[in-house]
Amino acid sequence: MRTLIFPFLLMVLLASGCAGRGPVGSYCGPLPEDNAVAAIAADAVDSLASLYPPGHTSVHLVPAKDVDNGFAQAFENRLRTKGFTLVPDARPDALAIAYTLDAMDEKSAWYLQLRISDNENSGKSIARAYTASGQPEAGQSRTEIEFRRSMLQKAADKTRETAGKAYDATRSFLNE
């Protein structure tokens, strides 16, 4: 019996490592002027600070294709200034933040959405529109979101649960 359980548990552990976590990626379209980018980044960091304590929160920014875009640099600098710790790789104890900054129309209105993964299956989405100068246009949208788990992750969770029950049953049987 033990010879079957070990390979089975090893397979479950290996399969569970294949599932992804959190937001998929960041996107930055054409940027407004530098002052507007700085103002948008400052507002985004203030929004994050209202949800998560800066001195106690580690952040992993999910990079955009254009890693050296002006918004990413302004956002990172503002996060550090506010007291957030930036980590280069996604970790379970760090927030994973993906962003989308893009022009909404020809009037130079901008849209920023932050997708924040604060644990395996859930997170928050913060969205706001900005004027050409980077000032917030209206209120802010905050939404709780649940990230879709892959079929593999769901199967691994079910297998882990079943294996746990089988282990408990076997252990109680052997102890009797």
N, C-alpha and C. Protein backbone atom coordinates (compact mmCIF):
# COMPACT_ATOMS: atom_id res chain seq x y z
N MET A 1 0.82 -1.19 0.00
CA MET A 1 0.00 0.00 0.00
C MET A 1 0.87 1.26 0.00
N ARG A 2 1.93 1.25 0.80
CA ARG A 2 2.81 2.41 0.87
C ARG A 2 3.51 2.67 -0.46
N THR A 3 3.79 1.61 -1.18
CA THR A 3 4.47 1.78 -2.47
C THR A 3 3.58 2.48 -3.48
N LEU A 4 2.28 2.43 -3.30
CA LEU A 4 1.36 3.13 -4.20
C LEU A 4 1.10 4.57 -3.77
N ILE A 5 1.09 4.83 -2.49
CA ILE A 5 0.76 6.17 -2.00
C ILE A 5 1.86 7.17 -2.34
N PHE A 6 3.13 6.80 -2.14
CA PHE A 6 4.21 7.75 -2.39
C PHE A 6 4.24 8.26 -3.84
N PRO A 7 4.22 7.39 -4.85
CA PRO A 7 4.21 7.90 -6.23
C PRO A 7 2.95 8.74 -6.53
N PHE A 8 1.83 8.33 -5.96
CA PHE A 8 0.59 9.08 -6.17
C PHE A 8 0.71 10.49 -5.59
N LEU A 9 1.21 10.62 -4.36
CA LEU A 9 1.38 11.93 -3.75
C LEU A 9 2.42 12.77 -4.50
N LEU A 10 3.46 12.14 -4.96
CA LEU A 10 4.47 12.86 -5.74
C LEU A 10 3.86 13.42 -7.02
N MET A 11 3.01 12.64 -7.69
CA MET A 11 2.35 13.10 -8.91
C MET A 11 1.45 14.30 -8.60
N VAL A 12 0.72 14.24 -7.50
CA VAL A 12 -0.17 15.34 -7.12
C VAL A 12 0.63 16.61 -6.87
N LEU A 13 1.74 16.51 -6.16
CA LEU A 13 2.56 17.67 -5.87
C LEU A 13 3.13 18.28 -7.15
N LEU A 14 3.60 17.45 -8.04
CA LEU A 14 4.16 17.95 -9.30
C LEU A 14 3.08 18.59 -10.16
N ALA A 15 1.92 18.00 -10.20
CA ALA A 15 0.83 18.55 -11.02
C ALA A 15 0.33 19.87 -10.47
N SER A 16 0.31 20.03 -9.16
CA SER A 16 -0.19 21.27 -8.58
C SER A 16 0.75 22.43 -8.84
N GLY A 17 2.01 22.19 -9.12
CA GLY A 17 2.95 23.27 -9.41
C GLY A 17 2.79 23.86 -10.80
N CYS A 18 2.00 23.23 -11.66
CA CYS A 18 1.82 23.72 -13.02
C CYS A 18 0.78 24.82 -13.13
N ALA A 19 -0.06 24.96 -12.14
CA ALA A 19 -1.15 25.93 -12.23
C ALA A 19 -0.63 27.33 -11.98
N GLY A 20 -1.15 28.30 -12.74
CA GLY A 20 -0.74 29.68 -12.60
C GLY A 20 -1.47 30.37 -11.46
N ARG A 21 -1.00 31.55 -11.10
CA ARG A 21 -1.58 32.30 -10.00
C ARG A 21 -1.75 33.74 -10.44
N GLY A 22 -2.89 34.30 -10.08
CA GLY A 22 -3.08 35.74 -10.17
C GLY A 22 -3.25 36.32 -11.56
N PRO A 23 -3.02 37.62 -11.66
CA PRO A 23 -3.24 38.32 -12.91
C PRO A 23 -2.30 37.86 -14.01
N VAL A 24 -2.76 37.94 -15.24
CA VAL A 24 -2.01 37.39 -16.36
C VAL A 24 -0.87 38.30 -16.81
N GLY A 25 -1.11 39.56 -17.08
CA GLY A 25 -0.05 40.44 -17.55
C GLY A 25 -0.46 41.88 -17.54
N SER A 26 0.52 42.75 -17.72
CA SER A 26 0.28 44.19 -17.74
C SER A 26 0.31 44.70 -19.17
N TYR A 27 -0.31 45.86 -19.37
CA TYR A 27 -0.31 46.49 -20.68
C TYR A 27 -0.22 48.00 -20.49
N CYS A 28 0.61 48.63 -21.30
CA CYS A 28 0.72 50.07 -21.29
C CYS A 28 0.67 50.56 -22.72
N GLY A 29 -0.38 51.31 -23.03
CA GLY A 29 -0.53 51.88 -24.36
C GLY A 29 0.31 53.13 -24.51
N PRO A 30 0.00 53.96 -25.51
CA PRO A 30 0.73 55.22 -25.65
C PRO A 30 0.49 56.09 -24.41
N LEU A 31 1.55 56.69 -23.92
CA LEU A 31 1.47 57.42 -22.66
C LEU A 31 1.17 58.91 -22.85
N PRO A 32 0.49 59.51 -21.86
CA PRO A 32 0.32 60.95 -21.87
C PRO A 32 1.65 61.62 -21.50
N GLU A 33 1.65 62.92 -21.30
CA GLU A 33 2.87 63.63 -20.93
C GLU A 33 3.38 63.15 -19.57
N ASP A 34 4.66 63.39 -19.30
CA ASP A 34 5.30 62.87 -18.09
C ASP A 34 4.62 63.30 -16.80
N ASN A 35 4.15 64.56 -16.73
CA ASN A 35 3.48 65.03 -15.51
C ASN A 35 2.19 64.24 -15.26
N ALA A 36 1.47 63.93 -16.33
CA ALA A 36 0.23 63.16 -16.20
C ALA A 36 0.54 61.74 -15.75
N VAL A 37 1.58 61.15 -16.29
CA VAL A 37 1.98 59.78 -15.90
C VAL A 37 2.32 59.75 -14.41
N ALA A 38 3.06 60.75 -13.94
CA ALA A 38 3.43 60.82 -12.52
C ALA A 38 2.19 60.98 -11.64
N ALA A 39 1.24 61.80 -12.07
CA ALA A 39 0.01 62.01 -11.30
C ALA A 39 -0.83 60.74 -11.24
N ILE A 40 -0.92 60.02 -12.34
CA ILE A 40 -1.69 58.77 -12.38
C ILE A 40 -1.03 57.72 -11.48
N ALA A 41 0.30 57.63 -11.53
CA ALA A 41 1.03 56.68 -10.68
C ALA A 41 0.84 57.02 -9.21
N ALA A 42 0.88 58.29 -8.87
CA ALA A 42 0.70 58.72 -7.47
C ALA A 42 -0.70 58.35 -6.98
N ASP A 43 -1.71 58.58 -7.80
CA ASP A 43 -3.08 58.24 -7.41
C ASP A 43 -3.24 56.73 -7.24
N ALA A 44 -2.61 55.96 -8.12
CA ALA A 44 -2.69 54.50 -8.03
C ALA A 44 -2.05 54.00 -6.74
N VAL A 45 -0.92 54.54 -6.38
CA VAL A 45 -0.23 54.12 -5.15
C VAL A 45 -1.05 54.53 -3.92
N ASP A 46 -1.66 55.71 -3.95
CA ASP A 46 -2.51 56.12 -2.83
C ASP A 46 -3.70 55.17 -2.67
N SER A 47 -4.25 54.72 -3.78
CA SER A 47 -5.35 53.74 -3.73
C SER A 47 -4.89 52.43 -3.11
N LEU A 48 -3.71 51.96 -3.51
CA LEU A 48 -3.17 50.73 -2.94
C LEU A 48 -2.90 50.88 -1.44
N ALA A 49 -2.38 52.05 -1.05
CA ALA A 49 -2.06 52.28 0.35
C ALA A 49 -3.32 52.32 1.21
N SER A 50 -4.46 52.65 0.61
CA SER A 50 -5.71 52.64 1.38
C SER A 50 -6.22 51.21 1.60
N LEU A 51 -5.73 50.26 0.81
CA LEU A 51 -6.14 48.86 0.94
C LEU A 51 -5.13 47.99 1.69
N TYR A 52 -3.84 48.29 1.51
CA TYR A 52 -2.77 47.46 2.07
C TYR A 52 -1.76 48.37 2.78
N PRO A 53 -1.29 47.98 3.98
CA PRO A 53 -0.35 48.82 4.71
C PRO A 53 1.02 48.86 4.02
N PRO A 54 1.49 50.05 3.63
CA PRO A 54 2.75 50.14 2.87
C PRO A 54 3.97 49.55 3.57
N GLY A 55 4.15 49.76 4.83
CA GLY A 55 5.35 49.26 5.52
C GLY A 55 5.37 47.76 5.71
N HIS A 56 4.26 47.09 5.47
CA HIS A 56 4.16 45.66 5.73
C HIS A 56 3.78 44.85 4.50
N THR A 57 3.83 45.45 3.33
CA THR A 57 3.34 44.77 2.12
C THR A 57 4.43 44.70 1.07
N SER A 58 4.65 43.49 0.57
CA SER A 58 5.57 43.28 -0.56
C SER A 58 4.75 43.21 -1.83
N VAL A 59 5.31 43.76 -2.91
CA VAL A 59 4.61 43.86 -4.18
C VAL A 59 5.47 43.30 -5.30
N HIS A 60 4.85 42.50 -6.16
CA HIS A 60 5.49 42.07 -7.40
C HIS A 60 4.69 42.67 -8.55
N LEU A 61 5.32 43.53 -9.34
CA LEU A 61 4.65 44.11 -10.50
C LEU A 61 4.80 43.16 -11.68
N VAL A 62 3.67 42.77 -12.24
CA VAL A 62 3.69 41.92 -13.42
C VAL A 62 4.09 42.81 -14.59
N PRO A 63 5.20 42.51 -15.25
CA PRO A 63 5.70 43.42 -16.29
C PRO A 63 4.86 43.43 -17.56
N ALA A 64 4.88 44.58 -18.22
CA ALA A 64 4.26 44.72 -19.54
C ALA A 64 5.30 44.32 -20.58
N LYS A 65 4.87 44.21 -21.83
CA LYS A 65 5.83 43.88 -22.90
C LYS A 65 6.93 44.93 -22.95
N ASP A 66 6.53 46.21 -22.84
CA ASP A 66 7.49 47.31 -22.83
C ASP A 66 7.83 47.58 -21.36
N VAL A 67 8.80 46.84 -20.84
CA VAL A 67 9.14 46.91 -19.42
C VAL A 67 9.63 48.30 -19.03
N ASP A 68 10.25 49.00 -19.95
CA ASP A 68 10.83 50.31 -19.65
C ASP A 68 9.86 51.47 -19.91
N ASN A 69 8.55 51.20 -19.90
CA ASN A 69 7.63 52.29 -20.15
C ASN A 69 7.64 53.27 -18.96
N GLY A 70 7.29 54.49 -19.23
CA GLY A 70 7.35 55.54 -18.21
C GLY A 70 6.43 55.31 -17.04
N PHE A 71 5.28 54.69 -17.27
CA PHE A 71 4.37 54.45 -16.16
C PHE A 71 4.94 53.43 -15.19
N ALA A 72 5.52 52.35 -15.71
CA ALA A 72 6.08 51.32 -14.83
C ALA A 72 7.17 51.92 -13.94
N GLN A 73 8.01 52.77 -14.50
CA GLN A 73 9.07 53.38 -13.72
C GLN A 73 8.50 54.33 -12.66
N ALA A 74 7.53 55.17 -13.05
CA ALA A 74 6.91 56.10 -12.10
C ALA A 74 6.17 55.35 -11.01
N PHE A 75 5.47 54.27 -11.38
CA PHE A 75 4.70 53.47 -10.43
C PHE A 75 5.64 52.81 -9.42
N GLU A 76 6.72 52.19 -9.91
CA GLU A 76 7.69 51.55 -9.02
C GLU A 76 8.31 52.56 -8.06
N ASN A 77 8.73 53.71 -8.57
CA ASN A 77 9.34 54.74 -7.72
C ASN A 77 8.37 55.21 -6.65
N ARG A 78 7.12 55.40 -7.01
CA ARG A 78 6.11 55.86 -6.06
C ARG A 78 5.83 54.80 -4.99
N LEU A 79 5.78 53.53 -5.41
CA LEU A 79 5.58 52.44 -4.45
C LEU A 79 6.71 52.42 -3.42
N ARG A 80 7.94 52.53 -3.90
CA ARG A 80 9.10 52.53 -2.98
C ARG A 80 9.04 53.73 -2.04
N THR A 81 8.73 54.90 -2.59
CA THR A 81 8.66 56.12 -1.80
C THR A 81 7.60 56.00 -0.70
N LYS A 82 6.49 55.37 -1.01
CA LYS A 82 5.39 55.22 -0.06
C LYS A 82 5.72 54.19 1.01
N GLY A 83 6.66 53.28 0.75
CA GLY A 83 7.06 52.30 1.76
C GLY A 83 6.78 50.86 1.39
N PHE A 84 6.30 50.60 0.19
CA PHE A 84 6.07 49.22 -0.25
C PHE A 84 7.41 48.59 -0.61
N THR A 85 7.53 47.29 -0.41
CA THR A 85 8.72 46.54 -0.79
C THR A 85 8.44 45.89 -2.14
N LEU A 86 9.32 46.12 -3.12
CA LEU A 86 9.15 45.49 -4.43
C LEU A 86 10.01 44.24 -4.51
N VAL A 87 9.41 43.16 -4.97
CA VAL A 87 10.12 41.90 -5.13
C VAL A 87 10.15 41.55 -6.62
N PRO A 88 11.27 40.99 -7.10
CA PRO A 88 11.39 40.73 -8.54
C PRO A 88 10.56 39.56 -9.06
N ASP A 89 10.25 38.60 -8.19
CA ASP A 89 9.52 37.41 -8.62
C ASP A 89 8.24 37.27 -7.80
N ALA A 90 7.24 36.61 -8.40
CA ALA A 90 5.99 36.36 -7.69
C ALA A 90 6.26 35.41 -6.54
N ARG A 91 5.74 35.77 -5.37
CA ARG A 91 5.86 34.93 -4.18
C ARG A 91 4.49 34.84 -3.52
N PRO A 92 4.24 33.79 -2.77
CA PRO A 92 2.93 33.64 -2.12
C PRO A 92 2.63 34.75 -1.12
N ASP A 93 3.67 35.33 -0.50
CA ASP A 93 3.44 36.36 0.51
C ASP A 93 3.44 37.77 -0.06
N ALA A 94 3.52 37.92 -1.37
CA ALA A 94 3.55 39.25 -2.00
C ALA A 94 2.31 39.46 -2.86
N LEU A 95 1.87 40.71 -2.95
CA LEU A 95 0.79 41.04 -3.87
C LEU A 95 1.33 40.97 -5.29
N ALA A 96 0.60 40.36 -6.17
CA ALA A 96 0.94 40.40 -7.60
C ALA A 96 0.03 41.45 -8.23
N ILE A 97 0.62 42.47 -8.84
CA ILE A 97 -0.16 43.56 -9.41
C ILE A 97 0.12 43.66 -10.90
N ALA A 98 -0.95 43.56 -11.68
CA ALA A 98 -0.89 43.78 -13.12
C ALA A 98 -1.68 45.06 -13.40
N TYR A 99 -1.25 45.82 -14.39
CA TYR A 99 -1.93 47.08 -14.68
C TYR A 99 -2.24 47.19 -16.17
N THR A 100 -3.24 47.99 -16.47
CA THR A 100 -3.55 48.36 -17.85
C THR A 100 -3.71 49.88 -17.85
N LEU A 101 -2.89 50.57 -18.61
CA LEU A 101 -3.00 52.02 -18.78
C LEU A 101 -3.11 52.27 -20.26
N ASP A 102 -4.22 52.90 -20.65
CA ASP A 102 -4.45 53.12 -22.08
C ASP A 102 -5.32 54.35 -22.28
N ALA A 103 -5.27 54.90 -23.50
CA ALA A 103 -6.12 56.03 -23.86
C ALA A 103 -7.53 55.52 -24.10
N MET A 104 -8.53 56.28 -23.61
CA MET A 104 -9.92 55.87 -23.79
C MET A 104 -10.50 56.40 -25.09
N ASP A 105 -10.13 57.61 -25.47
CA ASP A 105 -10.66 58.21 -26.69
C ASP A 105 -9.73 59.29 -27.19
N GLU A 106 -10.15 59.97 -28.23
CA GLU A 106 -9.31 61.00 -28.84
C GLU A 106 -9.22 62.28 -28.01
N LYS A 107 -9.98 62.38 -26.92
CA LYS A 107 -9.95 63.57 -26.06
C LYS A 107 -8.81 63.51 -25.04
N SER A 108 -7.95 62.56 -25.17
CA SER A 108 -6.83 62.36 -24.25
C SER A 108 -7.29 62.00 -22.85
N ALA A 109 -8.33 61.22 -22.77
CA ALA A 109 -8.74 60.68 -21.48
C ALA A 109 -8.03 59.34 -21.30
N TRP A 110 -7.65 59.02 -20.08
CA TRP A 110 -6.87 57.82 -19.80
C TRP A 110 -7.62 56.91 -18.85
N TYR A 111 -7.31 55.64 -18.93
CA TYR A 111 -7.96 54.62 -18.11
C TYR A 111 -6.87 53.77 -17.48
N LEU A 112 -6.95 53.61 -16.16
CA LEU A 112 -6.01 52.74 -15.46
C LEU A 112 -6.80 51.69 -14.69
N GLN A 113 -6.39 50.44 -14.86
CA GLN A 113 -6.96 49.34 -14.08
C GLN A 113 -5.80 48.60 -13.43
N LEU A 114 -5.92 48.37 -12.12
CA LEU A 114 -4.97 47.55 -11.38
C LEU A 114 -5.67 46.26 -11.00
N ARG A 115 -5.04 45.13 -11.31
CA ARG A 115 -5.56 43.82 -10.92
C ARG A 115 -4.61 43.27 -9.87
N ILE A 116 -5.12 43.08 -8.67
CA ILE A 116 -4.29 42.74 -7.52
C ILE A 116 -4.65 41.33 -7.05
N SER A 117 -3.67 40.46 -7.03
CA SER A 117 -3.87 39.11 -6.51
C SER A 117 -3.24 39.06 -5.13
N ASP A 118 -4.10 38.89 -4.10
CA ASP A 118 -3.56 38.88 -2.74
C ASP A 118 -3.53 37.49 -2.12
N ASN A 119 -3.98 36.47 -2.84
CA ASN A 119 -3.80 35.07 -2.43
C ASN A 119 -4.04 34.20 -3.65
N GLU A 120 -4.15 32.89 -3.45
CA GLU A 120 -4.22 31.95 -4.58
C GLU A 120 -5.39 32.19 -5.52
N ASN A 121 -6.57 32.49 -4.98
CA ASN A 121 -7.76 32.46 -5.83
C ASN A 121 -8.53 33.77 -5.92
N SER A 122 -8.14 34.79 -5.18
CA SER A 122 -8.93 36.02 -5.23
C SER A 122 -8.04 37.24 -5.21
N GLY A 123 -8.66 38.36 -5.38
CA GLY A 123 -7.94 39.61 -5.38
C GLY A 123 -8.91 40.76 -5.57
N LYS A 124 -8.38 41.88 -6.03
CA LYS A 124 -9.18 43.07 -6.23
C LYS A 124 -8.84 43.68 -7.57
N SER A 125 -9.80 44.43 -8.08
CA SER A 125 -9.58 45.20 -9.30
C SER A 125 -9.94 46.65 -8.97
N ILE A 126 -9.04 47.56 -9.28
CA ILE A 126 -9.28 48.99 -9.07
C ILE A 126 -9.19 49.65 -10.44
N ALA A 127 -10.19 50.45 -10.79
CA ALA A 127 -10.19 51.12 -12.10
C ALA A 127 -10.58 52.58 -11.92
N ARG A 128 -9.99 53.44 -12.74
CA ARG A 128 -10.31 54.86 -12.68
C ARG A 128 -9.96 55.52 -14.01
N ALA A 129 -10.75 56.54 -14.35
CA ALA A 129 -10.49 57.34 -15.55
C ALA A 129 -9.78 58.63 -15.15
N TYR A 130 -8.94 59.15 -16.05
CA TYR A 130 -8.15 60.36 -15.78
C TYR A 130 -8.26 61.32 -16.95
N THR A 131 -8.09 62.60 -16.65
CA THR A 131 -8.06 63.64 -17.68
C THR A 131 -6.70 63.62 -18.37
N ALA A 132 -6.54 64.47 -19.36
CA ALA A 132 -5.28 64.56 -20.09
C ALA A 132 -4.13 64.97 -19.18
N SER A 133 -4.43 65.72 -18.11
CA SER A 133 -3.38 66.16 -17.19
C SER A 133 -3.10 65.15 -16.08
N GLY A 134 -3.85 64.04 -16.06
CA GLY A 134 -3.61 63.00 -15.07
C GLY A 134 -4.46 63.12 -13.82
N GLN A 135 -5.42 64.02 -13.83
CA GLN A 135 -6.31 64.18 -12.67
C GLN A 135 -7.47 63.19 -12.77
N PRO A 136 -7.88 62.60 -11.64
CA PRO A 136 -9.00 61.66 -11.67
C PRO A 136 -10.26 62.35 -12.17
N GLU A 137 -10.99 61.69 -13.08
CA GLU A 137 -12.21 62.26 -13.63
C GLU A 137 -13.43 62.01 -12.77
N ALA A 138 -13.51 60.85 -12.18
CA ALA A 138 -14.70 60.50 -11.43
C ALA A 138 -14.31 59.60 -10.28
N GLY A 139 -15.29 58.93 -9.72
CA GLY A 139 -15.03 57.98 -8.64
C GLY A 139 -14.18 56.82 -9.11
N GLN A 140 -14.00 55.92 -8.22
CA GLN A 140 -13.14 54.77 -8.49
C GLN A 140 -13.96 53.50 -8.39
N SER A 141 -13.68 52.55 -9.25
CA SER A 141 -14.35 51.25 -9.22
C SER A 141 -13.44 50.27 -8.51
N ARG A 142 -13.97 49.65 -7.45
CA ARG A 142 -13.23 48.60 -6.75
C ARG A 142 -14.08 47.34 -6.76
N THR A 143 -13.50 46.25 -7.19
CA THR A 143 -14.23 45.01 -7.34
C THR A 143 -13.42 43.86 -6.76
N GLU A 144 -14.10 42.98 -6.02
CA GLU A 144 -13.47 41.73 -5.60
C GLU A 144 -13.55 40.78 -6.79
N ILE A 145 -12.46 40.11 -7.10
CA ILE A 145 -12.47 39.19 -8.23
C ILE A 145 -11.95 37.82 -7.79
N GLU A 146 -12.41 36.80 -8.47
CA GLU A 146 -11.90 35.46 -8.24
C GLU A 146 -11.23 35.02 -9.53
N PHE A 147 -9.95 34.70 -9.44
CA PHE A 147 -9.22 34.26 -10.61
C PHE A 147 -9.62 32.84 -10.94
N ARG A 148 -9.79 32.57 -12.21
CA ARG A 148 -10.16 31.22 -12.63
C ARG A 148 -8.99 30.28 -12.41
N ARG A 149 -9.31 29.17 -11.81
CA ARG A 149 -8.29 28.15 -11.63
C ARG A 149 -8.32 27.23 -12.84
N SER A 150 -7.18 26.74 -13.20
CA SER A 150 -7.11 25.85 -14.34
C SER A 150 -7.74 24.51 -13.99
N MET A 151 -8.09 23.77 -15.01
CA MET A 151 -8.64 22.42 -14.81
C MET A 151 -7.64 21.55 -14.05
N LEU A 152 -6.37 21.72 -14.35
CA LEU A 152 -5.34 20.95 -13.69
C LEU A 152 -5.31 21.27 -12.19
N GLN A 153 -5.43 22.55 -11.85
CA GLN A 153 -5.44 22.94 -10.43
C GLN A 153 -6.64 22.35 -9.71
N LYS A 154 -7.81 22.39 -10.35
CA LYS A 154 -9.01 21.82 -9.74
C LYS A 154 -8.84 20.32 -9.53
N ALA A 155 -8.28 19.62 -10.53
CA ALA A 155 -8.06 18.19 -10.41
C ALA A 155 -7.04 17.89 -9.31
N ALA A 156 -5.99 18.70 -9.23
CA ALA A 156 -4.98 18.50 -8.19
C ALA A 156 -5.59 18.70 -6.80
N ASP A 157 -6.45 19.72 -6.64
CA ASP A 157 -7.11 19.95 -5.35
C ASP A 157 -7.99 18.77 -4.97
N LYS A 158 -8.76 18.26 -5.93
CA LYS A 158 -9.63 17.11 -5.67
C LYS A 158 -8.81 15.87 -5.32
N THR A 159 -7.72 15.67 -6.05
CA THR A 159 -6.85 14.52 -5.80
C THR A 159 -6.20 14.64 -4.42
N ARG A 160 -5.77 15.85 -4.07
CA ARG A 160 -5.16 16.07 -2.76
C ARG A 160 -6.16 15.76 -1.64
N GLU A 161 -7.40 16.17 -1.84
CA GLU A 161 -8.45 15.90 -0.85
C GLU A 161 -8.71 14.40 -0.73
N THR A 162 -8.82 13.73 -1.87
CA THR A 162 -9.06 12.28 -1.87
C THR A 162 -7.88 11.53 -1.25
N ALA A 163 -6.68 11.93 -1.58
CA ALA A 163 -5.49 11.28 -1.03
C ALA A 163 -5.43 11.48 0.48
N GLY A 164 -5.80 12.66 0.95
CA GLY A 164 -5.83 12.92 2.39
C GLY A 164 -6.80 12.02 3.11
N LYS A 165 -7.99 11.84 2.52
CA LYS A 165 -8.99 10.96 3.12
C LYS A 165 -8.50 9.51 3.13
N ALA A 166 -7.87 9.08 2.03
CA ALA A 166 -7.36 7.72 1.95
C ALA A 166 -6.25 7.50 2.98
N TYR A 167 -5.39 8.49 3.15
CA TYR A 167 -4.31 8.40 4.13
C TYR A 167 -4.88 8.28 5.54
N ASP A 168 -5.86 9.14 5.85
CA ASP A 168 -6.48 9.11 7.18
C ASP A 168 -7.16 7.76 7.45
N ALA A 169 -7.86 7.23 6.45
CA ALA A 169 -8.54 5.94 6.61
C ALA A 169 -7.53 4.82 6.83
N THR A 170 -6.46 4.82 6.04
CA THR A 170 -5.43 3.80 6.17
C THR A 170 -4.74 3.89 7.53
N ARG A 171 -4.45 5.09 7.95
CA ARG A 171 -3.78 5.29 9.23
C ARG A 171 -4.66 4.82 10.40
N SER A 172 -5.93 5.16 10.36
CA SER A 172 -6.82 4.71 11.44
C SER A 172 -7.00 3.20 11.43
N PHE A 173 -7.01 2.62 10.22
CA PHE A 173 -7.13 1.15 10.11
C PHE A 173 -5.90 0.48 10.71
N LEU A 174 -4.71 1.00 10.40
CA LEU A 174 -3.48 0.40 10.90
C LEU A 174 -3.30 0.60 12.40
N ASN A 175 -3.84 1.67 12.94
CA ASN A 175 -3.74 1.95 14.37
C ASN A 175 -4.68 1.08 15.20
N GLU A 176 -5.69 0.51 14.58
CA GLU A 176 -6.66 -0.32 15.31
C GLU A 176 -6.13 -1.66 15.64
